[in-house]
Structure formats: structure tokens, C-alpha cells
N, C-alpha and C. Protein backbone atom coordinates (compact mmCIF):
# COMPACT_ATOMS: atom_id res chain seq x y z
N MET A 1 95.69 148.74 84.67
CA MET A 1 95.77 150.11 85.11
C MET A 1 95.60 151.06 83.95
N ALA A 2 96.08 150.69 82.78
CA ALA A 2 95.94 151.54 81.61
C ALA A 2 94.47 151.70 81.25
N ILE A 3 93.64 150.69 81.49
CA ILE A 3 92.22 150.75 81.18
C ILE A 3 91.54 151.76 82.08
N LEU A 4 91.93 151.85 83.33
CA LEU A 4 91.32 152.79 84.27
C LEU A 4 91.57 154.24 83.85
N ARG A 5 92.74 154.53 83.38
CA ARG A 5 93.07 155.90 82.99
C ARG A 5 92.37 156.29 81.69
N GLN A 6 92.25 155.33 80.78
CA GLN A 6 91.72 155.68 79.48
C GLN A 6 90.19 155.76 79.47
N SER A 7 89.51 154.77 80.08
CA SER A 7 88.06 154.76 79.94
C SER A 7 87.39 154.26 81.21
N PRO A 8 87.05 155.15 82.11
CA PRO A 8 86.33 154.74 83.31
C PRO A 8 84.91 154.30 83.01
N LEU A 9 84.34 154.73 81.91
CA LEU A 9 82.98 154.31 81.54
C LEU A 9 82.92 152.83 81.16
N LEU A 10 84.00 152.29 80.61
CA LEU A 10 84.05 150.89 80.24
C LEU A 10 83.95 150.01 81.49
N LEU A 11 84.62 150.43 82.54
CA LEU A 11 84.54 149.69 83.81
C LEU A 11 83.13 149.70 84.36
N VAL A 12 82.46 150.79 84.28
CA VAL A 12 81.09 150.90 84.77
C VAL A 12 80.19 149.99 83.98
N ASN A 13 80.38 149.93 82.64
CA ASN A 13 79.57 149.05 81.80
C ASN A 13 79.83 147.58 82.12
N ILE A 14 81.06 147.21 82.35
CA ILE A 14 81.39 145.83 82.69
C ILE A 14 80.78 145.47 84.04
N ASP A 15 80.88 146.37 84.99
CA ASP A 15 80.32 146.08 86.31
C ASP A 15 78.81 145.94 86.23
N ARG A 16 78.16 146.77 85.41
CA ARG A 16 76.70 146.68 85.28
C ARG A 16 76.30 145.35 84.63
N SER A 17 77.03 144.90 83.64
CA SER A 17 76.68 143.63 82.98
C SER A 17 76.89 142.46 83.93
N LYS A 18 77.97 142.52 84.74
CA LYS A 18 78.18 141.46 85.73
C LYS A 18 77.08 141.49 86.78
N LEU A 19 76.68 142.70 87.14
CA LEU A 19 75.63 142.85 88.13
C LEU A 19 74.31 142.29 87.62
N LEU A 20 74.00 142.54 86.35
CA LEU A 20 72.77 142.01 85.77
C LEU A 20 72.80 140.48 85.70
N SER A 21 73.94 139.91 85.30
CA SER A 21 74.02 138.45 85.23
C SER A 21 73.93 137.82 86.62
N MET A 22 74.49 138.51 87.63
CA MET A 22 74.39 138.00 89.00
C MET A 22 72.94 138.07 89.49
N ARG A 23 72.22 139.15 89.09
CA ARG A 23 70.80 139.25 89.46
C ARG A 23 69.99 138.13 88.83
N HIS A 24 70.28 137.85 87.56
CA HIS A 24 69.56 136.77 86.88
C HIS A 24 69.85 135.43 87.56
N MET A 25 71.08 135.20 87.91
CA MET A 25 71.45 133.95 88.57
C MET A 25 70.78 133.84 89.93
N LEU A 26 70.76 134.94 90.68
CA LEU A 26 70.14 134.95 92.00
C LEU A 26 68.64 134.70 91.90
N SER A 27 67.99 135.33 90.93
CA SER A 27 66.56 135.12 90.77
C SER A 27 66.27 133.69 90.32
N PHE A 28 67.12 133.12 89.49
CA PHE A 28 66.96 131.73 89.08
C PHE A 28 67.08 130.78 90.27
N LEU A 29 68.10 130.95 91.10
CA LEU A 29 68.28 130.11 92.28
C LEU A 29 67.13 130.27 93.27
N MET A 30 66.64 131.48 93.41
CA MET A 30 65.50 131.72 94.30
C MET A 30 64.27 130.99 93.79
N GLY A 31 64.06 131.00 92.47
CA GLY A 31 62.93 130.29 91.87
C GLY A 31 63.03 128.79 92.09
N VAL A 32 64.22 128.23 91.93
CA VAL A 32 64.43 126.79 92.17
C VAL A 32 64.15 126.45 93.62
N TRP A 33 64.61 127.29 94.54
CA TRP A 33 64.38 127.04 95.97
C TRP A 33 62.90 127.09 96.30
N LEU A 34 62.19 128.09 95.78
CA LEU A 34 60.75 128.22 96.02
C LEU A 34 59.99 127.02 95.44
N PHE A 35 60.37 126.59 94.26
CA PHE A 35 59.71 125.45 93.63
C PHE A 35 59.90 124.18 94.45
N SER A 36 61.13 123.92 94.90
CA SER A 36 61.39 122.71 95.71
C SER A 36 60.68 122.79 97.05
N THR A 37 60.59 123.96 97.65
CA THR A 37 59.87 124.13 98.91
C THR A 37 58.38 123.85 98.72
N ALA A 38 57.82 124.31 97.61
CA ALA A 38 56.40 124.08 97.33
C ALA A 38 56.12 122.59 97.14
N ILE A 39 57.01 121.88 96.46
CA ILE A 39 56.83 120.43 96.26
C ILE A 39 56.91 119.70 97.59
N GLN A 40 57.87 120.06 98.44
CA GLN A 40 58.01 119.40 99.73
C GLN A 40 56.79 119.64 100.61
N SER A 41 56.25 120.82 100.61
CA SER A 41 55.07 121.10 101.44
C SER A 41 53.85 120.35 100.91
N THR A 42 53.74 120.20 99.58
CA THR A 42 52.64 119.44 98.99
C THR A 42 52.74 117.97 99.38
N GLN A 43 53.95 117.41 99.35
CA GLN A 43 54.15 116.02 99.76
C GLN A 43 53.86 115.84 101.24
N ALA A 44 54.25 116.78 102.06
CA ALA A 44 54.01 116.68 103.50
C ALA A 44 52.52 116.74 103.80
N GLN A 45 51.74 117.53 103.04
CA GLN A 45 50.31 117.62 103.26
C GLN A 45 49.60 116.36 102.81
N SER A 46 50.07 115.72 101.71
CA SER A 46 49.40 114.53 101.21
C SER A 46 49.69 113.30 102.05
N THR A 47 50.78 113.29 102.81
CA THR A 47 51.11 112.16 103.65
C THR A 47 50.50 112.36 105.02
N GLY A 48 49.34 111.79 105.19
CA GLY A 48 48.67 111.86 106.48
C GLY A 48 48.98 110.62 107.30
N PRO A 49 48.36 110.48 108.47
CA PRO A 49 48.62 109.31 109.29
C PRO A 49 48.13 108.02 108.65
N ASN A 50 47.15 108.07 107.74
CA ASN A 50 46.64 106.86 107.11
C ASN A 50 47.42 106.50 105.85
N ASP A 51 48.25 107.39 105.34
CA ASP A 51 48.97 107.17 104.09
C ASP A 51 50.41 106.68 104.31
N LEU A 52 50.76 106.20 105.49
CA LEU A 52 52.13 105.76 105.76
C LEU A 52 52.44 104.52 104.94
N GLN A 53 53.70 104.31 104.69
CA GLN A 53 54.14 103.24 103.80
C GLN A 53 53.97 101.86 104.42
N THR A 54 53.53 100.91 103.60
CA THR A 54 53.40 99.53 104.01
C THR A 54 54.79 98.92 104.14
N THR A 55 55.03 98.18 105.22
CA THR A 55 56.35 97.61 105.47
C THR A 55 56.22 96.17 105.91
N VAL A 56 57.04 95.30 105.33
CA VAL A 56 57.16 93.91 105.76
C VAL A 56 58.55 93.76 106.35
N LEU A 57 58.62 93.21 107.55
CA LEU A 57 59.90 92.99 108.23
C LEU A 57 60.05 91.52 108.58
N ILE A 58 61.28 91.06 108.68
CA ILE A 58 61.54 89.69 109.13
C ILE A 58 61.59 89.73 110.65
N ALA A 59 60.61 89.07 111.30
CA ALA A 59 60.58 89.02 112.76
C ALA A 59 61.58 87.99 113.28
N LYS A 60 61.62 86.82 112.64
CA LYS A 60 62.55 85.77 113.05
C LYS A 60 62.97 84.99 111.81
N LEU A 61 64.26 85.03 111.52
CA LEU A 61 64.79 84.35 110.34
C LEU A 61 65.04 82.88 110.66
N ALA A 62 64.53 82.00 109.83
CA ALA A 62 64.87 80.58 109.94
C ALA A 62 66.23 80.42 109.28
N PRO A 63 67.25 80.01 110.03
CA PRO A 63 68.61 79.98 109.47
C PRO A 63 68.74 78.97 108.33
N PRO A 64 69.19 79.46 107.18
CA PRO A 64 69.41 78.54 106.06
C PRO A 64 70.74 77.82 106.21
N GLY A 65 70.81 76.62 105.72
CA GLY A 65 72.07 75.88 105.74
C GLY A 65 72.71 75.92 104.36
N TYR A 66 74.02 75.86 104.33
CA TYR A 66 74.71 75.79 103.05
C TYR A 66 74.63 74.33 102.60
N PRO A 67 74.00 74.04 101.46
CA PRO A 67 73.84 72.65 101.04
C PRO A 67 75.18 71.96 100.85
N THR A 68 75.26 70.70 101.32
CA THR A 68 76.50 69.93 101.24
C THR A 68 76.93 69.74 99.79
N SER A 69 75.96 69.47 98.91
CA SER A 69 76.31 69.28 97.50
C SER A 69 76.87 70.56 96.88
N ALA A 70 76.38 71.72 97.32
CA ALA A 70 76.90 72.99 96.82
C ALA A 70 78.31 73.25 97.36
N LEU A 71 78.57 72.84 98.60
CA LEU A 71 79.93 72.97 99.14
C LEU A 71 80.90 72.10 98.37
N GLN A 72 80.51 70.86 98.09
CA GLN A 72 81.40 69.95 97.37
C GLN A 72 81.64 70.41 95.94
N ALA A 73 80.61 70.96 95.31
CA ALA A 73 80.75 71.46 93.94
C ALA A 73 81.30 72.88 93.89
N ARG A 74 81.50 73.47 95.07
CA ARG A 74 82.00 74.84 95.20
C ARG A 74 81.12 75.85 94.47
N VAL A 75 79.80 75.73 94.69
CA VAL A 75 78.82 76.62 94.08
C VAL A 75 78.55 77.76 95.04
N GLN A 76 78.54 78.98 94.54
CA GLN A 76 78.22 80.15 95.34
C GLN A 76 77.50 81.17 94.47
N GLY A 77 76.82 82.13 95.12
CA GLY A 77 76.11 83.15 94.36
C GLY A 77 74.87 83.64 95.09
N ASP A 78 74.08 84.47 94.40
CA ASP A 78 72.87 85.07 94.97
C ASP A 78 71.64 84.30 94.53
N VAL A 79 70.68 84.21 95.46
CA VAL A 79 69.38 83.63 95.17
C VAL A 79 68.34 84.67 95.58
N LYS A 80 67.46 85.02 94.65
CA LYS A 80 66.40 85.98 94.95
C LYS A 80 65.09 85.24 95.13
N ILE A 81 64.40 85.57 96.23
CA ILE A 81 63.15 84.91 96.62
C ILE A 81 62.06 85.98 96.72
N THR A 82 60.86 85.68 96.24
CA THR A 82 59.71 86.54 96.43
C THR A 82 58.73 85.82 97.34
N VAL A 83 58.36 86.48 98.44
CA VAL A 83 57.49 85.89 99.45
C VAL A 83 56.18 86.68 99.48
N GLY A 84 55.06 85.97 99.50
CA GLY A 84 53.76 86.60 99.68
C GLY A 84 53.39 86.51 101.15
N VAL A 85 53.30 87.67 101.85
CA VAL A 85 53.05 87.71 103.29
C VAL A 85 51.63 88.21 103.55
N ARG A 86 50.89 87.46 104.36
CA ARG A 86 49.54 87.87 104.74
C ARG A 86 49.61 88.96 105.81
N ARG A 87 48.46 89.57 106.13
CA ARG A 87 48.41 90.64 107.13
C ARG A 87 48.88 90.18 108.51
N ASP A 88 48.62 88.92 108.83
CA ASP A 88 49.01 88.42 110.15
C ASP A 88 50.47 87.98 110.21
N GLY A 89 51.21 88.09 109.10
CA GLY A 89 52.63 87.77 109.09
C GLY A 89 52.93 86.37 108.61
N THR A 90 51.93 85.56 108.32
CA THR A 90 52.16 84.20 107.82
C THR A 90 52.47 84.24 106.33
N VAL A 91 53.13 83.19 105.87
CA VAL A 91 53.54 83.11 104.48
C VAL A 91 52.45 82.42 103.66
N GLU A 92 52.00 83.10 102.61
CA GLU A 92 51.04 82.49 101.72
C GLU A 92 51.74 81.74 100.60
N SER A 93 52.81 82.36 100.05
CA SER A 93 53.55 81.73 98.95
C SER A 93 54.99 82.19 98.98
N ALA A 94 55.85 81.37 98.38
CA ALA A 94 57.26 81.73 98.23
C ALA A 94 57.77 81.08 96.96
N SER A 95 58.54 81.84 96.19
CA SER A 95 59.07 81.30 94.94
C SER A 95 60.46 81.86 94.67
N ILE A 96 61.25 81.07 93.93
CA ILE A 96 62.60 81.48 93.55
C ILE A 96 62.49 82.36 92.30
N THR A 97 63.02 83.56 92.38
CA THR A 97 63.01 84.47 91.24
C THR A 97 64.22 84.24 90.35
N SER A 98 65.40 84.10 90.99
CA SER A 98 66.62 83.82 90.23
C SER A 98 67.64 83.20 91.17
N GLY A 99 68.62 82.50 90.57
CA GLY A 99 69.69 81.90 91.35
C GLY A 99 69.90 80.45 90.99
N HIS A 100 70.95 79.86 91.55
CA HIS A 100 71.31 78.47 91.30
C HIS A 100 70.32 77.53 91.97
N ALA A 101 69.96 76.45 91.31
CA ALA A 101 68.94 75.53 91.81
C ALA A 101 69.35 74.86 93.11
N ILE A 102 70.61 74.48 93.24
CA ILE A 102 71.06 73.80 94.47
C ILE A 102 70.95 74.74 95.66
N LEU A 103 71.35 75.99 95.48
CA LEU A 103 71.28 76.97 96.57
C LEU A 103 69.84 77.43 96.80
N GLY A 104 69.05 77.45 95.74
CA GLY A 104 67.69 77.96 95.81
C GLY A 104 66.79 77.19 96.76
N GLN A 105 66.96 75.88 96.84
CA GLN A 105 66.10 75.08 97.71
C GLN A 105 66.33 75.41 99.18
N SER A 106 67.57 75.63 99.57
CA SER A 106 67.87 76.01 100.96
C SER A 106 67.31 77.39 101.28
N ALA A 107 67.47 78.33 100.35
CA ALA A 107 66.95 79.69 100.55
C ALA A 107 65.43 79.69 100.59
N LEU A 108 64.80 78.90 99.73
CA LEU A 108 63.35 78.82 99.69
C LEU A 108 62.79 78.24 100.98
N GLN A 109 63.43 77.20 101.50
CA GLN A 109 63.00 76.60 102.76
C GLN A 109 63.11 77.60 103.91
N SER A 110 64.19 78.37 103.92
CA SER A 110 64.37 79.38 104.95
C SER A 110 63.31 80.48 104.86
N ALA A 111 63.02 80.93 103.64
CA ALA A 111 62.02 81.99 103.45
C ALA A 111 60.63 81.51 103.85
N ARG A 112 60.31 80.25 103.57
CA ARG A 112 58.99 79.72 103.92
C ARG A 112 58.80 79.57 105.43
N THR A 113 59.85 79.21 106.14
CA THR A 113 59.72 78.94 107.58
C THR A 113 60.07 80.13 108.46
N SER A 114 60.50 81.24 107.88
CA SER A 114 60.78 82.45 108.66
C SER A 114 59.48 83.10 109.10
N GLU A 115 59.56 83.92 110.15
CA GLU A 115 58.39 84.65 110.65
C GLU A 115 58.50 86.11 110.23
N TYR A 116 57.38 86.68 109.78
CA TYR A 116 57.35 88.04 109.26
C TYR A 116 56.38 88.90 110.06
N GLU A 117 56.58 90.21 109.94
CA GLU A 117 55.68 91.18 110.55
C GLU A 117 55.25 92.15 109.45
N CYS A 118 53.95 92.27 109.27
CA CYS A 118 53.41 93.14 108.22
C CYS A 118 52.83 94.38 108.88
N ARG A 119 53.47 95.53 108.68
CA ARG A 119 53.03 96.79 109.29
C ARG A 119 52.22 97.61 108.30
N ARG A 120 51.05 98.03 108.72
CA ARG A 120 50.15 98.86 107.92
C ARG A 120 49.83 98.23 106.57
N CYS A 121 49.67 96.90 106.54
CA CYS A 121 49.33 96.21 105.30
C CYS A 121 47.83 96.29 105.07
N SER A 122 47.42 96.85 103.95
CA SER A 122 46.00 96.98 103.65
C SER A 122 45.53 95.87 102.72
N GLU A 123 46.43 95.28 101.96
CA GLU A 123 46.08 94.20 101.05
C GLU A 123 46.09 92.87 101.78
N ALA A 124 45.41 91.88 101.22
CA ALA A 124 45.36 90.55 101.84
C ALA A 124 46.74 89.90 101.83
N VAL A 125 47.49 90.06 100.72
CA VAL A 125 48.83 89.49 100.60
C VAL A 125 49.76 90.58 100.06
N THR A 126 50.88 90.78 100.77
CA THR A 126 51.88 91.78 100.36
C THR A 126 53.12 91.05 99.86
N SER A 127 53.64 91.47 98.72
CA SER A 127 54.83 90.86 98.14
C SER A 127 56.08 91.41 98.81
N TYR A 128 57.03 90.52 99.13
CA TYR A 128 58.27 90.91 99.79
C TYR A 128 59.42 90.18 99.11
N SER A 129 60.47 90.90 98.74
CA SER A 129 61.63 90.30 98.06
C SER A 129 62.78 90.12 99.03
N MET A 130 63.46 88.98 98.91
CA MET A 130 64.63 88.68 99.75
C MET A 130 65.78 88.25 98.85
N VAL A 131 67.01 88.50 99.32
CA VAL A 131 68.20 88.07 98.61
C VAL A 131 69.05 87.25 99.57
N TYR A 132 69.36 86.03 99.18
CA TYR A 132 70.25 85.15 99.93
C TYR A 132 71.56 85.07 99.17
N THR A 133 72.66 85.44 99.83
CA THR A 133 73.99 85.37 99.21
C THR A 133 74.76 84.22 99.85
N PHE A 134 75.11 83.24 99.04
CA PHE A 134 75.90 82.10 99.49
C PHE A 134 77.33 82.35 99.04
N ARG A 135 78.27 82.31 100.01
CA ARG A 135 79.67 82.63 99.71
C ARG A 135 80.58 81.60 100.36
N LEU A 136 81.61 81.20 99.67
CA LEU A 136 82.59 80.24 100.19
C LEU A 136 83.82 80.99 100.68
N GLU A 137 84.27 80.63 101.88
CA GLU A 137 85.49 81.22 102.44
C GLU A 137 86.24 80.15 103.22
N VAL A 138 87.55 80.18 103.10
CA VAL A 138 88.40 79.29 103.88
C VAL A 138 88.75 80.04 105.16
N PRO A 139 88.40 79.48 106.35
CA PRO A 139 88.69 80.21 107.59
C PRO A 139 90.19 80.29 107.86
N SER A 140 90.59 81.41 108.41
CA SER A 140 92.00 81.56 108.76
C SER A 140 92.28 80.80 110.05
N HIS A 141 93.53 80.67 110.39
CA HIS A 141 93.94 79.91 111.56
C HIS A 141 93.31 80.50 112.83
N GLY A 142 92.67 79.66 113.61
CA GLY A 142 92.06 80.10 114.85
C GLY A 142 90.63 80.58 114.69
N GLN A 143 90.11 80.64 113.46
CA GLN A 143 88.75 81.08 113.22
C GLN A 143 87.81 79.88 113.32
N SER A 144 86.59 80.14 113.75
CA SER A 144 85.59 79.10 113.90
C SER A 144 85.22 78.48 112.56
N HIS A 145 84.89 77.19 112.59
CA HIS A 145 84.48 76.49 111.38
C HIS A 145 82.97 76.47 111.23
N ALA A 146 82.24 77.17 112.09
CA ALA A 146 80.78 77.22 112.01
C ALA A 146 80.36 78.07 110.81
N THR A 147 79.18 77.80 110.28
CA THR A 147 78.67 78.55 109.16
C THR A 147 78.03 79.84 109.66
N PRO A 148 78.69 80.99 109.48
CA PRO A 148 78.09 82.24 109.95
C PRO A 148 76.99 82.71 109.00
N ILE A 149 75.91 83.20 109.61
CA ILE A 149 74.78 83.74 108.87
C ILE A 149 74.54 85.15 109.37
N THR A 150 74.49 86.10 108.45
CA THR A 150 74.21 87.48 108.83
C THR A 150 72.99 87.96 108.04
N GLN A 151 72.22 88.85 108.67
CA GLN A 151 71.02 89.40 108.04
C GLN A 151 71.02 90.91 108.22
N VAL A 152 70.85 91.62 107.11
CA VAL A 152 70.68 93.07 107.14
C VAL A 152 69.46 93.37 106.27
N GLY A 153 68.37 93.71 106.93
CA GLY A 153 67.12 93.97 106.21
C GLY A 153 66.62 92.72 105.52
N ASN A 154 66.48 92.79 104.21
CA ASN A 154 66.01 91.64 103.45
C ASN A 154 67.15 90.89 102.77
N HIS A 155 68.40 91.15 103.16
CA HIS A 155 69.57 90.50 102.59
C HIS A 155 70.20 89.57 103.62
N VAL A 156 70.29 88.28 103.27
CA VAL A 156 70.85 87.27 104.17
C VAL A 156 72.11 86.73 103.51
N THR A 157 73.21 86.68 104.29
CA THR A 157 74.48 86.16 103.78
C THR A 157 74.84 84.90 104.53
N ILE A 158 75.14 83.83 103.79
CA ILE A 158 75.54 82.55 104.37
C ILE A 158 76.95 82.25 103.89
N ILE A 159 77.87 82.05 104.82
CA ILE A 159 79.26 81.77 104.46
C ILE A 159 79.55 80.32 104.78
N GLY A 160 80.01 79.58 103.79
CA GLY A 160 80.34 78.18 103.96
C GLY A 160 81.81 77.93 103.72
N GLU A 161 82.29 76.84 104.27
CA GLU A 161 83.69 76.47 104.10
C GLU A 161 83.78 75.34 103.08
N PRO A 162 84.52 75.54 102.00
CA PRO A 162 84.63 74.46 101.02
C PRO A 162 85.43 73.30 101.59
N PRO A 163 85.07 72.07 101.21
CA PRO A 163 85.81 70.92 101.74
C PRO A 163 87.22 70.89 101.18
N ILE A 164 88.14 70.44 102.00
CA ILE A 164 89.53 70.29 101.58
C ILE A 164 89.70 68.85 101.15
N ILE A 165 90.13 68.66 99.92
CA ILE A 165 90.30 67.32 99.38
C ILE A 165 91.68 66.81 99.76
N THR A 166 91.69 65.70 100.46
CA THR A 166 92.96 65.08 100.85
C THR A 166 92.98 63.66 100.30
N VAL A 167 94.13 63.22 99.90
CA VAL A 167 94.32 61.86 99.40
C VAL A 167 95.10 61.11 100.47
N THR A 168 94.50 60.02 100.93
CA THR A 168 95.17 59.22 101.95
C THR A 168 95.54 57.86 101.38
N ASN A 169 96.57 57.28 101.93
CA ASN A 169 97.06 55.95 101.53
C ASN A 169 97.29 55.84 100.03
N TYR A 170 97.99 56.78 99.49
CA TYR A 170 98.28 56.78 98.06
C TYR A 170 99.59 56.06 97.81
N ASP A 171 99.51 55.00 97.02
CA ASP A 171 100.71 54.25 96.64
C ASP A 171 100.76 54.24 95.12
N PRO A 172 101.67 54.98 94.50
CA PRO A 172 101.68 55.10 93.05
C PRO A 172 101.99 53.78 92.33
N HIS A 173 102.66 52.86 93.01
CA HIS A 173 103.06 51.61 92.35
C HIS A 173 101.93 50.59 92.35
N SER A 174 101.06 50.64 93.32
CA SER A 174 100.03 49.61 93.39
C SER A 174 98.82 49.94 92.51
N ALA A 175 98.53 51.14 92.27
CA ALA A 175 97.31 51.49 91.56
C ALA A 175 97.47 51.47 90.04
N PHE A 176 98.59 51.87 89.54
CA PHE A 176 98.77 52.00 88.10
C PHE A 176 100.00 51.25 87.63
N ARG A 177 99.90 50.74 86.43
CA ARG A 177 101.08 50.18 85.78
C ARG A 177 101.66 51.25 84.90
N ARG A 178 102.93 51.45 85.02
CA ARG A 178 103.57 52.45 84.18
C ARG A 178 104.05 51.80 82.89
N ARG A 179 103.86 52.53 81.82
CA ARG A 179 104.32 52.07 80.51
C ARG A 179 105.09 53.21 79.85
N SER A 180 105.90 52.85 78.93
CA SER A 180 106.67 53.89 78.24
C SER A 180 105.75 54.66 77.30
N ALA A 181 106.17 55.86 76.91
CA ALA A 181 105.37 56.71 76.05
C ALA A 181 105.22 56.11 74.67
N LYS A 182 106.21 55.35 74.22
CA LYS A 182 106.14 54.78 72.89
C LYS A 182 105.15 53.62 72.82
N CYS A 183 104.76 53.07 73.94
CA CYS A 183 103.88 51.92 73.96
C CYS A 183 102.46 52.29 73.52
N LEU A 184 101.87 53.37 74.05
CA LEU A 184 100.56 53.86 73.70
C LEU A 184 99.45 52.82 73.84
N TYR A 185 99.69 51.76 74.56
CA TYR A 185 98.71 50.72 74.82
C TYR A 185 98.20 50.04 73.56
N LEU A 186 98.96 50.09 72.49
CA LEU A 186 98.54 49.43 71.25
C LEU A 186 98.92 47.94 71.23
N TRP A 187 99.96 47.61 71.92
CA TRP A 187 100.36 46.21 72.06
C TRP A 187 100.86 46.00 73.46
N ARG A 188 101.12 44.78 73.76
CA ARG A 188 101.52 44.45 75.11
C ARG A 188 102.98 44.86 75.32
N CYS A 189 103.17 45.83 76.21
CA CYS A 189 104.51 46.31 76.51
C CYS A 189 104.83 45.92 77.93
N SER A 190 106.06 45.81 78.20
CA SER A 190 106.43 45.50 79.58
C SER A 190 106.44 46.77 80.41
N PRO A 191 106.04 46.67 81.68
CA PRO A 191 106.07 47.87 82.53
C PRO A 191 107.50 48.30 82.78
N ARG A 192 107.73 49.54 82.93
CA ARG A 192 109.06 50.07 83.20
C ARG A 192 109.43 49.96 84.62
């Protein structure tokens, strides 16, 4: 309040400087908006009906199995596959890009035998990448023991149940002879 009584011109100068900075900010934002609008209209004009994006889709997935050796070894992880798809949807080639070798063979077999749909493909062979995720889970009580397979786009998830190791008919006295710690098997000691 003391500033208002002493110098009303100072307030006018402050308001003018704020007004100028607001004008500069407004003109800057307007320029950014006009620039982005111009880019969008240029992109819309260049995308005609013949310039639509090439798309490869999985028409029918051949279900991959979780390899028994991978279940026993408790191996899990991602396998990346690159598939070469012809215009008619048939597979020309398939190869493992990355992933565990045991899991890779199951994923590769699935990718080779799956059916694809190639939309607006202009090239003879179109490259398509897939990811197979192998995951181990112990089912909860009342849950199915079947291997669930889910697919979302080019990502396939396979859930396997690790085997439960059980020991049956274990008799500790018949299989091993117990010896004292001081014996160390260096000489013939009597069993304890």
C-alpha cells in the first residue's frame, strides 16, 4: 500500500513490462501451435490411400509347448524370433534372434507353423518380429495344471509348471553307511 501512495507510475511500468512479457509468451505459443498444425496437415496430405502402412498379423498361432527339459532345468525367459512373411502369408524363413537355446527351438517351431496375414505388403518378403516369453509358475490350489498360452499382438506368453521333486521310499540306513567325523575314510572305521 505504501508503494501505491508514493509512486503510481512505478505500478504502471511494472504492469507494462508484465504485459509485454505476456504478449511475447502468447506470440511464442501461437507460433508453436501454427507450426505443429502445418506439420500435421503436411503429413495428412502425404498419406494417401496408397501410402498406408504395411502390416503383418498372426492369423492363427501354432501353440508352442514348454519343453520338458526346460521345465526340469527350470529355464525361463524371452526368445525373439524374426520371421520372413511372403505376400500370401506363408513363411519364407524364421530364425532365432536371441534367447535360450532350449526354449528357442519350441518358439521357432511355433513361428514356422503359424499362419500369417500380410496387409498391403508391396515387397516379396516382409520381416516380422515376435517375442515368446516362457515363464514358470506354481498353480495355486484349485487352478488348472494346463499350460496357458496368451497372445497379444506379436508377443506370446507360455506359462509352465515346474516339476515338484519328491523322494519316495527313502531309507537312510540302507543307502549309506554312517561313519564318524574323525574317520574321514582314510582307514577302515566301524559304522556308528
